[in-house]
């Protein structure tokens, strides 16, 4: 298993030309644009930057409305080395900024991957063997802010409120499209945007497209419970110690580490700023989910269920010793009674995109249903949400955003993709991404059979004073066929 490597890379090369998009402000107080992206994470920013990259004459107006809190911690930190190529294609400064920030300690280098998955022994892959080099464990907040800063004047700080269809009539010279209301930070008031195409990049909640009528279908149920720990010792080798040796006093383990357990699996990665993330993934219906909700239960399970990950939280001597050294980490919030939790299952949007044509006045007897109309789509987790086992979220968001920007650009060319063809192209590409992902996910859950018949007493962890009695059922549930009937 190579969690820092994406299971697929979506690529598209095309030559795109643009025609001038002319808009006429009507009597309504609305900010008019061609495309509005709601959500300024990696997927939303990549889409906007991709359109801007091909719009050399700045003829299209693309806006992003985003309400992210730049001070809030965000889980999702793995970025494979191949992402450098995508970042450079989106904007020349992005790859340079990533390397610069890493040199300043704002991001950590991922030196490889280690997993105790189908057996209790660690199996490792090394960044030195990767033709693209080492990946990253990101300061996710910093990375996302860099993307937003690169978007420049396209970015508007605000919170999405509502969306509605606007049809052409005598009072509306602006014609067919969408009106989107957002509570803007700059003015403190709700402002209206009128656009031809909406992109939902709001994450798993898919706030915009659900209001339009799309639904999210769960393919697997998974929750991730996690704690961010802070290092009590300095990172890296101690004074006078050669870089890369194990004689230092701090945490020099830059690997991504995954360890399977009877009722789920554990993950850890060293983060920048002397921190370490530890996560436990399990089914919402599994009894261990109740235990993992509390900090005490989480830590008890961590010590009972893992032999490799628990050692990363102790001194360097613990890596090879039979007993654990003194703790080198403590929870970042020592008084917190509960862990943080986030949805982590596989989910897809139905449909991925939509096109609503309208009848234009033409001289022929048949109306033109091709280019006139309004469209929408989702990108990132709003369209395709993946199991964190794949470590595929950020890189897929960047790649799919780059693809989506290119086909949207073709659509806004007079002789480019018509609305219906655009939607079909988006759906086809997204389905290819999902099928490739599902193939990888199925393989990794299927290959782990070592917990199919585990004695109760070996599960580690207690529920209501009694032992957990469903050892192995988590793995059976993850190998079960997709739950296509679950809609949200």
Protein backbone atom coordinates (compact mmCIF):
# COMPACT_ATOMS: atom_id res chain seq x y z
CA UNK A 1 0.00 0.00 0.00
CA UNK A 2 1.34 3.42 -0.95
CA UNK A 3 -0.97 5.95 0.71
CA UNK A 4 1.10 8.99 -0.29
CA UNK A 5 0.80 8.01 -3.96
CA UNK A 6 -2.47 8.74 -5.80
CA UNK A 7 -4.27 5.78 -7.32
CA UNK A 8 -4.79 7.77 -10.47
CA UNK A 9 -3.94 11.03 -12.14
CA UNK A 10 -6.51 12.72 -14.34
CA UNK A 11 -4.94 14.50 -17.26
CA UNK A 12 -6.32 16.51 -20.13
CA UNK A 13 -4.51 18.47 -22.78
CA UNK A 14 -6.34 20.80 -25.07
CA UNK A 15 -5.94 24.04 -26.95
CA UNK A 16 -8.53 26.48 -25.75
CA UNK A 17 -9.51 29.80 -27.30
CA UNK A 18 -11.98 32.25 -25.87
CA UNK A 19 -14.69 34.43 -27.27
CA UNK A 20 -15.77 37.59 -25.53
CA UNK A 21 -18.58 37.02 -23.05
CA UNK A 22 -20.70 40.16 -23.07
CA UNK A 23 -22.98 40.89 -20.12
CA UNK A 24 -25.41 43.75 -19.68
CA UNK A 25 -26.16 45.00 -16.18
CA UNK A 26 -29.86 45.33 -15.62
CA UNK A 27 -31.77 47.29 -13.05
CA UNK A 28 -31.14 44.73 -10.32
CA UNK A 29 -28.18 45.27 -8.00
CA UNK A 30 -26.23 42.15 -8.92
CA UNK A 31 -22.55 41.45 -9.49
CA UNK A 32 -22.38 39.80 -12.91
CA UNK A 33 -19.85 37.08 -13.73
CA UNK A 34 -19.50 34.18 -16.11
CA UNK A 35 -18.68 31.54 -13.48
CA UNK A 36 -19.10 31.56 -9.71
CA UNK A 37 -17.19 29.06 -7.58
CA UNK A 38 -18.57 28.59 -4.06
CA UNK A 39 -15.74 27.33 -1.86
CA UNK A 40 -12.07 28.28 -1.90
CA UNK A 41 -10.34 25.01 -1.04
CA UNK A 42 -7.96 23.14 -3.38
CA UNK A 43 -10.75 22.04 -5.75
CA UNK A 44 -12.38 25.46 -6.07
CA UNK A 45 -9.11 27.35 -6.43
CA UNK A 46 -7.74 24.85 -8.96
CA UNK A 47 -10.85 25.23 -11.11
CA UNK A 48 -10.71 29.03 -11.06
CA UNK A 49 -6.97 29.09 -11.75
CA UNK A 50 -7.39 26.63 -14.61
CA UNK A 51 -9.94 28.87 -16.32
CA UNK A 52 -7.77 31.93 -15.76
CA UNK A 53 -4.70 30.14 -17.13
CA UNK A 54 -6.36 29.58 -20.50
CA UNK A 55 -8.04 33.00 -20.58
CA UNK A 56 -4.95 34.90 -21.68
CA UNK A 57 -6.97 37.97 -22.67
CA UNK A 58 -8.94 38.05 -19.38
CA UNK A 59 -12.24 37.95 -21.21
CA UNK A 60 -14.07 35.73 -18.77
CA UNK A 61 -15.05 36.83 -15.30
CA UNK A 62 -14.64 34.13 -12.67
CA UNK A 63 -15.35 34.74 -8.98
CA UNK A 64 -14.84 32.62 -5.86
CA UNK A 65 -16.94 33.08 -2.73
CA UNK A 66 -15.29 31.50 0.29
CA UNK A 67 -15.87 31.62 4.04
CA UNK A 68 -12.93 29.53 5.29
CA UNK A 69 -11.47 30.41 8.67
CA UNK A 70 -7.70 30.76 8.08
CA UNK A 71 -7.00 30.05 11.76
CA UNK A 72 -8.93 26.77 11.97
CA UNK A 73 -7.17 23.40 11.80
CA UNK A 74 -8.21 21.27 8.84
CA UNK A 75 -7.55 17.56 8.56
CA UNK A 76 -6.19 16.26 5.25
CA UNK A 77 -2.45 16.78 4.98
CA UNK A 78 -1.00 14.22 2.56
CA UNK A 79 0.21 15.54 -0.79
CA UNK A 80 2.16 13.27 -3.18
CA UNK A 81 5.25 14.52 -4.97
CA UNK A 82 3.53 14.42 -8.37
CA UNK A 83 1.38 17.35 -7.21
CA UNK A 84 4.27 19.68 -7.97
CA UNK A 85 3.56 19.20 -11.67
CA UNK A 86 -0.14 20.04 -11.32
CA UNK A 87 0.58 23.08 -9.14
CA UNK A 88 3.08 24.41 -11.67
CA UNK A 89 0.53 24.01 -14.46
CA UNK A 90 -2.13 25.89 -12.50
CA UNK A 91 0.16 28.80 -11.67
CA UNK A 92 3.96 29.10 -11.89
CA UNK A 93 4.25 30.44 -8.33
CA UNK A 94 2.49 27.55 -6.58
CA UNK A 95 5.18 24.87 -6.84
CA UNK A 96 7.83 27.45 -5.95
CA UNK A 97 5.84 28.56 -2.90
CA UNK A 98 5.43 24.96 -1.75
CA UNK A 99 9.18 24.32 -1.90
CA UNK A 100 9.95 27.65 -0.22
CA UNK A 101 7.45 27.11 2.59
CA UNK A 102 8.83 23.61 3.17
CA UNK A 103 12.35 25.00 3.52
CA UNK A 104 11.02 27.39 6.19
CA UNK A 105 9.39 24.56 8.16
CA UNK A 106 5.82 25.44 7.20
CA UNK A 107 5.33 22.00 5.61
CA UNK A 108 7.00 18.68 6.42
CA UNK A 109 8.56 16.28 3.95
CA UNK A 110 7.00 12.81 3.71
CA UNK A 111 10.01 10.47 3.61
CA UNK A 112 8.02 7.36 2.74
CA UNK A 113 5.17 5.12 3.77
CA UNK A 114 4.95 2.24 6.21
CA UNK A 115 1.93 0.01 6.79
CA UNK A 116 1.08 -2.95 9.00
CA UNK A 117 -1.96 -3.94 6.99
CA UNK A 118 -2.34 -7.54 5.86
CA UNK A 119 0.11 -8.58 8.59
CA UNK A 120 1.43 -7.06 11.81
CA UNK A 121 4.82 -6.46 10.21
CA UNK A 122 5.66 -3.09 8.72
CA UNK A 123 6.06 -2.91 4.96
CA UNK A 124 7.79 0.23 3.77
CA UNK A 125 8.23 2.25 0.61
CA UNK A 126 10.76 5.04 0.40
CA UNK A 127 10.57 8.45 -1.24
CA UNK A 128 14.02 7.83 -2.71
CA UNK A 129 12.44 5.19 -4.95
CA UNK A 130 9.81 7.60 -6.26
CA UNK A 131 10.77 9.26 -9.57
CA UNK A 132 8.94 12.40 -8.43
CA UNK A 133 10.76 12.51 -5.09
CA UNK A 134 9.28 13.06 -1.65
CA UNK A 135 5.74 14.15 -0.92
CA UNK A 136 4.51 16.38 1.89
CA UNK A 137 2.68 16.43 5.17
CA UNK A 138 1.14 19.85 4.85
CA UNK A 139 0.19 22.62 7.15
CA UNK A 140 -3.17 22.42 5.43
CA UNK A 141 -4.30 25.87 6.51
CA UNK A 142 -1.14 27.43 5.07
CA UNK A 143 -1.44 25.45 1.83
CA UNK A 144 -5.08 26.45 1.28
CA UNK A 145 -4.30 30.09 2.05
CA UNK A 146 -1.51 30.03 -0.54
CA UNK A 147 -3.98 28.79 -3.15
CA UNK A 148 -6.49 31.50 -2.23
CA UNK A 149 -3.83 34.23 -2.31
CA UNK A 150 -2.82 33.06 -5.79
CA UNK A 151 -6.42 33.53 -6.97
CA UNK A 152 -6.03 37.24 -6.24
CA UNK A 153 -8.97 39.43 -7.21
CA UNK A 154 -11.13 36.43 -8.09
CA UNK A 155 -11.58 35.69 -4.37
CA UNK A 156 -14.39 37.23 -2.33
CA UNK A 157 -14.81 36.50 1.37
CA UNK A 158 -18.40 35.56 2.07
CA UNK A 159 -20.82 32.85 3.15
CA UNK A 160 -23.18 31.22 0.67
CA UNK A 161 -26.84 31.87 1.54
CA UNK A 162 -29.13 30.96 -1.36
CA UNK A 163 -29.35 30.13 -5.05
CA UNK A 164 -32.24 30.60 -7.47
CA UNK A 165 -32.95 30.26 -11.16
CA UNK A 166 -33.43 33.41 -13.24
CA UNK A 167 -35.30 33.24 -16.53
CA UNK A 168 -35.28 35.75 -19.35
CA UNK A 169 -38.21 38.12 -19.53
CA UNK A 170 -38.95 41.72 -20.34
CA UNK A 171 -37.84 42.90 -16.90
CA UNK A 172 -34.63 40.91 -16.95
CA UNK A 173 -32.33 41.93 -19.76
CA UNK A 174 -29.57 39.74 -18.35
CA UNK A 175 -31.33 36.59 -19.46
CA UNK A 176 -31.16 33.03 -18.36
CA UNK A 177 -28.86 32.12 -15.46
CA UNK A 178 -28.50 31.92 -11.70
CA UNK A 179 -28.66 34.37 -8.86
CA UNK A 180 -26.57 33.51 -5.81
CA UNK A 181 -26.84 35.35 -2.51
CA UNK A 182 -23.85 35.51 -0.18
CA UNK A 183 -23.28 37.22 3.16
CA UNK A 184 -20.13 39.19 2.38
CA UNK A 185 -17.46 39.87 4.98
CA UNK A 186 -16.38 43.17 3.43
CA UNK A 187 -19.78 44.84 3.58
CA UNK A 188 -21.53 42.84 6.27
CA UNK A 189 -24.54 42.58 3.97
CA UNK A 190 -26.03 39.98 1.66
CA UNK A 191 -24.93 40.58 -1.93
CA UNK A 192 -26.24 38.98 -5.12
CA UNK A 193 -24.19 37.47 -7.94
CA UNK A 194 -25.69 36.74 -11.34
CA UNK A 195 -23.86 34.05 -13.30
CA UNK A 196 -24.22 31.56 -16.13
CA UNK A 197 -22.49 28.66 -14.38
CA UNK A 198 -22.20 27.66 -10.70
CA UNK A 199 -19.50 25.39 -9.29
CA UNK A 200 -20.05 23.83 -5.87
CA UNK A 201 -16.71 23.37 -4.09
CA UNK A 202 -18.12 23.37 -0.55
CA UNK A 203 -16.87 19.91 0.40
CA UNK A 204 -18.90 16.90 1.49
CA UNK A 205 -21.86 19.06 2.50
CA UNK A 206 -22.38 20.12 -1.16
CA UNK A 207 -24.36 23.13 0.07
CA UNK A 208 -25.14 24.66 -3.32
CA UNK A 209 -26.04 21.73 -5.56
CA UNK A 210 -28.23 20.10 -2.93
CA UNK A 211 -30.41 23.21 -3.05
CA UNK A 212 -30.58 22.80 -6.82
CA UNK A 213 -31.75 19.19 -6.48
CA UNK A 214 -28.67 16.94 -6.57
CA UNK A 215 -28.24 14.21 -3.96
CA UNK A 216 -25.20 12.59 -2.38
CA UNK A 217 -25.08 8.79 -2.49
CA UNK A 218 -22.98 7.03 0.13
CA UNK A 219 -21.01 4.04 -1.08
CA UNK A 220 -19.43 3.26 2.30
CA UNK A 221 -19.85 4.54 5.83
CA UNK A 222 -16.75 5.60 7.73
CA UNK A 223 -15.91 8.02 10.52
CA UNK A 224 -12.48 9.39 11.35
CA UNK A 225 -11.68 10.32 14.95
CA UNK A 226 -8.47 12.21 15.47
CA UNK A 227 -6.26 14.05 17.94
CA UNK A 228 -3.49 16.49 17.13
CA UNK A 229 -0.55 16.01 19.50
CA UNK A 230 2.19 18.50 20.29
CA UNK A 231 5.79 17.45 20.72
CA UNK A 232 7.32 17.92 24.14
CA UNK A 233 10.79 17.59 22.60
CA UNK A 234 12.38 19.53 19.72
CA UNK A 235 12.00 18.03 16.24
CA UNK A 236 14.97 16.56 14.45
CA UNK A 237 18.40 15.44 15.61
CA UNK A 238 19.84 16.71 18.86
CA UNK A 239 22.79 19.11 19.08
CA UNK A 240 25.85 17.76 17.33
CA UNK A 241 23.93 14.89 15.72
CA UNK A 242 24.16 14.27 12.00
CA UNK A 243 20.94 14.96 10.12
CA UNK A 244 19.02 11.74 9.44
CA UNK A 245 20.37 9.75 12.39
CA UNK A 246 18.24 8.48 15.27
CA UNK A 247 20.35 9.87 18.08
CA UNK A 248 18.37 13.07 18.39
CA UNK A 249 15.89 13.88 21.10
CA UNK A 250 12.95 14.86 18.86
CA UNK A 251 10.67 13.24 16.28
CA UNK A 252 12.52 12.51 13.04
CA UNK A 253 10.03 9.98 11.68
CA UNK A 254 8.70 11.62 8.52
CA UNK A 255 6.80 8.58 7.26
CA UNK A 256 3.10 8.12 6.74
CA UNK A 257 2.25 5.19 9.02
CA UNK A 258 -0.90 3.05 8.81
CA UNK A 259 -1.79 0.16 11.10
CA UNK A 260 -4.84 -2.08 10.79
CA UNK A 261 -6.82 -3.05 13.89
CA UNK A 262 -9.70 -5.50 14.51
CA UNK A 263 -12.44 -2.87 14.17
CA UNK A 264 -10.82 -0.21 12.01
CA UNK A 265 -7.44 1.23 11.15
CA UNK A 266 -5.03 3.81 12.54
CA UNK A 267 -2.99 6.49 10.82
CA UNK A 268 -0.30 8.91 11.91
CA UNK A 269 1.86 11.56 10.27
CA UNK A 270 4.28 14.09 11.66
CA UNK A 271 3.04 17.60 10.95
CA UNK A 272 4.91 20.90 10.81
CA UNK A 273 5.32 23.01 13.95
CA UNK A 274 6.26 20.03 16.20
CA UNK A 275 2.88 18.34 15.92
CA UNK A 276 1.67 14.85 15.04
CA UNK A 277 -1.74 13.71 13.85
CA UNK A 278 -3.17 10.38 15.00
CA UNK A 279 -6.44 9.20 13.45
CA UNK A 280 -8.70 6.19 13.92
CA UNK A 281 -11.16 5.19 11.18
CA UNK A 282 -14.10 2.88 11.76
CA UNK A 283 -17.73 2.36 10.85
CA UNK A 284 -20.28 4.61 12.63
CA UNK A 285 -22.13 1.48 13.76
CA UNK A 286 -19.04 -0.19 15.23
CA UNK A 287 -18.92 -0.17 19.05
CA UNK A 288 -15.41 1.28 18.97
CA UNK A 289 -16.84 4.46 17.43
CA UNK A 290 -18.46 5.23 20.79
CA UNK A 291 -15.18 4.60 22.58
CA UNK A 292 -13.14 6.72 20.18
CA UNK A 293 -15.39 9.75 20.70
CA UNK A 294 -13.80 10.40 24.08
CA UNK A 295 -10.16 11.36 24.48
CA UNK A 296 -9.66 8.76 27.22
CA UNK A 297 -11.24 6.00 25.14
CA UNK A 298 -9.23 6.99 22.07
CA UNK A 299 -5.93 6.91 23.97
CA UNK A 300 -6.78 3.58 25.63
CA UNK A 301 -7.55 2.03 22.24
CA UNK A 302 -4.40 3.52 20.74
CA UNK A 303 -2.27 1.74 23.35
CA UNK A 304 -4.25 -1.51 23.15
CA UNK A 305 -4.65 -1.82 19.38
CA UNK A 306 -1.39 -0.50 17.92
CA UNK A 307 2.22 -1.50 18.34
CA UNK A 308 3.85 0.77 15.76
CA UNK A 309 1.83 3.98 15.89
CA UNK A 310 1.86 4.22 19.68
CA UNK A 311 5.67 4.23 19.57
CA UNK A 312 5.72 7.39 17.45
CA UNK A 313 4.28 9.27 20.44
CA UNK A 314 7.18 8.27 22.68
CA UNK A 315 10.89 8.98 22.66
CA UNK A 316 13.09 7.85 19.74
CA UNK A 317 14.46 4.97 21.83
CA UNK A 318 10.97 3.40 21.79
CA UNK A 319 11.20 2.70 18.06
CA UNK A 320 13.42 -0.33 18.61
CA UNK A 321 12.96 -1.08 22.32
CA UNK A 322 10.67 -3.68 23.85
CA UNK A 323 9.18 -1.11 26.22
CA UNK A 324 7.98 2.44 25.66
CA UNK A 325 10.12 5.43 26.53
CA UNK A 326 8.66 8.47 28.28
CA UNK A 327 5.91 10.17 26.23
CA UNK A 328 7.29 12.65 23.71
CA UNK A 329 3.83 14.00 22.82
CA UNK A 330 0.71 15.14 24.59
CA UNK A 331 -2.68 16.13 23.12
CA UNK A 332 -2.62 19.69 21.82
CA UNK A 333 -5.71 20.32 23.95
CA UNK A 334 -4.93 18.32 27.13
CA UNK A 335 -8.25 19.17 28.80
CA UNK A 336 -10.46 18.23 25.83
CA UNK A 337 -12.86 15.44 26.78
CA UNK A 338 -13.77 14.53 23.21
CA UNK A 339 -11.85 13.82 20.04
CA UNK A 340 -12.53 15.57 16.76
CA UNK A 341 -14.59 13.61 14.26
CA UNK A 342 -15.27 13.88 10.53
CA UNK A 343 -17.13 11.86 7.90
CA UNK A 344 -14.70 9.75 5.88
CA UNK A 345 -16.73 7.33 3.77
CA UNK A 346 -16.95 7.11 0.00
CA UNK A 347 -19.71 9.20 -1.58
CA UNK A 348 -20.68 10.46 -5.02
CA UNK A 349 -23.02 13.18 -6.20
CA UNK A 350 -26.02 12.34 -8.38
CA UNK A 351 -25.82 13.84 -10.92
CA UNK A 352 -22.36 15.37 -11.07
CA UNK A 353 -23.49 18.27 -13.25
CA UNK A 354 -26.54 19.71 -14.94
CA UNK A 355 -27.51 21.84 -17.92
CA UNK A 356 -30.81 23.66 -18.27
CA UNK A 357 -31.21 24.98 -21.84
CA UNK A 358 -33.57 27.72 -22.85
CA UNK A 359 -35.12 28.57 -26.18
CA UNK A 360 -33.34 31.39 -27.96
CA UNK A 361 -34.97 33.51 -30.63
CA UNK A 362 -33.62 32.25 -33.95
CA UNK A 363 -34.65 32.69 -37.55
CA UNK A 364 -35.00 28.98 -38.27
CA UNK A 365 -38.08 27.00 -37.37
CA UNK A 366 -36.16 24.93 -34.79
CA UNK A 367 -34.97 26.63 -31.56
CA UNK A 368 -31.29 26.62 -30.54
CA UNK A 369 -31.02 24.50 -27.38
CA UNK A 370 -27.23 24.12 -27.41
CA UNK A 371 -25.37 27.13 -26.00
CA UNK A 372 -28.18 29.10 -24.39
CA UNK A 373 -28.88 28.09 -20.81
CA UNK A 374 -27.50 27.78 -17.32
CA UNK A 375 -25.25 25.10 -15.91
CA UNK A 376 -23.89 23.76 -12.66
CA UNK A 377 -21.47 21.15 -11.41
CA UNK A 378 -19.59 20.12 -8.30
CA UNK A 379 -15.87 19.57 -7.77
CA UNK A 380 -13.74 18.08 -5.00
CA UNK A 381 -15.47 16.34 -2.10
CA UNK A 382 -18.78 17.87 -3.14
CA UNK A 383 -18.69 15.62 -6.20
CA UNK A 384 -16.47 12.70 -5.15
CA UNK A 385 -15.59 12.03 -1.52
CA UNK A 386 -12.95 9.38 -0.86
CA UNK A 387 -11.87 7.12 1.99
CA UNK A 388 -8.76 8.71 3.59
CA UNK A 389 -6.95 5.40 3.10
CA UNK A 390 -6.34 6.52 -0.49
CA UNK A 391 -4.59 9.78 0.52
CA UNK A 392 -6.13 10.96 -2.73
CA UNK A 393 -8.30 13.88 -1.70
CA UNK A 394 -6.06 16.90 -2.33
CA UNK A 395 -4.30 15.64 -5.45
CA UNK A 396 -7.59 14.56 -7.03
CA UNK A 397 -9.13 17.94 -6.20
CA UNK A 398 -6.24 19.70 -7.93
CA UNK A 399 -6.26 17.43 -10.99
CA UNK A 400 -10.03 17.41 -11.43
CA UNK A 401 -10.16 21.18 -10.91
CA UNK A 402 -7.58 21.62 -13.67
CA UNK A 403 -9.63 19.37 -15.96
CA UNK A 404 -12.91 21.08 -15.14
CA UNK A 405 -11.47 24.52 -15.83
CA UNK A 406 -10.32 23.42 -19.29
CA UNK A 407 -13.69 22.00 -20.39
CA UNK A 408 -15.58 24.97 -18.99
CA UNK A 409 -13.31 27.19 -21.05
CA UNK A 410 -14.23 25.22 -24.16
CA UNK A 411 -17.89 25.64 -23.34
CA UNK A 412 -17.66 29.43 -23.28
CA UNK A 413 -16.18 29.46 -26.78
CA UNK A 414 -18.91 30.05 -29.33
CA UNK A 415 -17.98 26.95 -31.31
CA UNK A 416 -16.80 24.91 -28.31
CA UNK A 417 -18.60 22.31 -26.22
CA UNK A 418 -22.35 22.91 -26.00
CA UNK A 419 -24.01 22.62 -22.61
CA UNK A 420 -25.23 19.06 -22.98
CA UNK A 421 -21.89 17.81 -24.29
CA UNK A 422 -20.07 19.57 -21.46
CA UNK A 423 -22.18 17.84 -18.81
CA UNK A 424 -21.62 14.46 -20.46
CA UNK A 425 -17.86 15.07 -20.60
CA UNK A 426 -17.77 16.00 -16.91
CA UNK A 427 -19.82 12.94 -15.94
CA UNK A 428 -17.63 10.62 -18.00
CA UNK A 429 -14.40 11.94 -16.50
CA UNK A 430 -15.73 11.86 -12.93
CA UNK A 431 -16.98 8.32 -13.36
CA UNK A 432 -13.54 7.22 -14.56
CA UNK A 433 -11.97 8.80 -11.49
CA UNK A 434 -14.42 7.09 -9.18
CA UNK A 435 -14.11 3.64 -10.78
CA UNK A 436 -10.33 3.78 -10.52
CA UNK A 437 -10.57 4.85 -6.88
CA UNK A 438 -13.09 2.13 -6.04
CA UNK A 439 -10.87 -0.48 -7.66
CA UNK A 440 -8.00 0.51 -5.35
CA UNK A 441 -10.17 0.75 -2.28
CA UNK A 442 -11.71 -2.69 -2.89
CA UNK A 443 -8.29 -4.26 -3.29
CA UNK A 444 -6.87 -2.91 -0.03
CA UNK A 445 -9.87 -3.81 2.11
CA UNK A 446 -10.14 -7.23 0.49
CA UNK A 447 -6.49 -8.14 1.01
CA UNK A 448 -6.76 -7.73 4.80
CA UNK A 449 -8.23 -10.96 6.16
CA UNK A 450 -6.29 -11.28 9.40
CA UNK A 451 -9.15 -10.05 11.59
CA UNK A 452 -11.91 -12.21 10.12
CA UNK A 453 -11.84 -14.50 13.18
CA UNK A 454 -10.25 -12.62 16.06
CA UNK A 455 -10.99 -13.71 19.65
CA UNK A 456 -12.99 -11.20 21.67
CA UNK A 457 -10.27 -10.66 24.23
CA UNK A 458 -7.79 -9.55 21.55
CA UNK A 459 -9.83 -6.68 20.15
CA UNK A 460 -8.54 -4.11 22.61
CA UNK A 461 -10.96 -1.58 24.05
CA UNK A 462 -14.08 -1.83 26.15
CA UNK A 463 -17.69 -0.83 25.64
CA UNK A 464 -19.94 -0.27 28.65
CA UNK A 465 -17.64 -2.34 30.80
CA UNK A 466 -17.69 -5.35 28.47
CA UNK A 467 -15.48 -6.56 25.68
CA UNK A 468 -16.15 -5.69 22.07
CA UNK A 469 -17.79 -8.74 20.55
CA UNK A 470 -17.85 -7.99 16.83
CA UNK A 471 -14.18 -8.41 15.96
CA UNK A 472 -13.71 -8.55 12.21
CA UNK A 473 -17.17 -7.26 11.31
CA UNK A 474 -15.73 -3.87 10.34
CA UNK A 475 -13.63 -5.48 7.61
CA UNK A 476 -16.55 -7.53 6.35
CA UNK A 477 -18.70 -4.39 6.15
CA UNK A 478 -16.04 -2.52 4.17
CA UNK A 479 -15.78 -5.41 1.71
CA UNK A 480 -19.55 -5.50 1.23
CA UNK A 481 -21.04 -4.14 -2.03
CA UNK A 482 -21.54 -0.38 -2.20
CA UNK A 483 -24.61 0.95 -0.43
CA UNK A 484 -26.07 2.67 -3.46
CA UNK A 485 -29.43 3.26 -1.78
CA UNK A 486 -28.10 5.62 0.88
CA UNK A 487 -28.90 9.17 -0.15
CA UNK A 488 -28.41 12.36 1.81
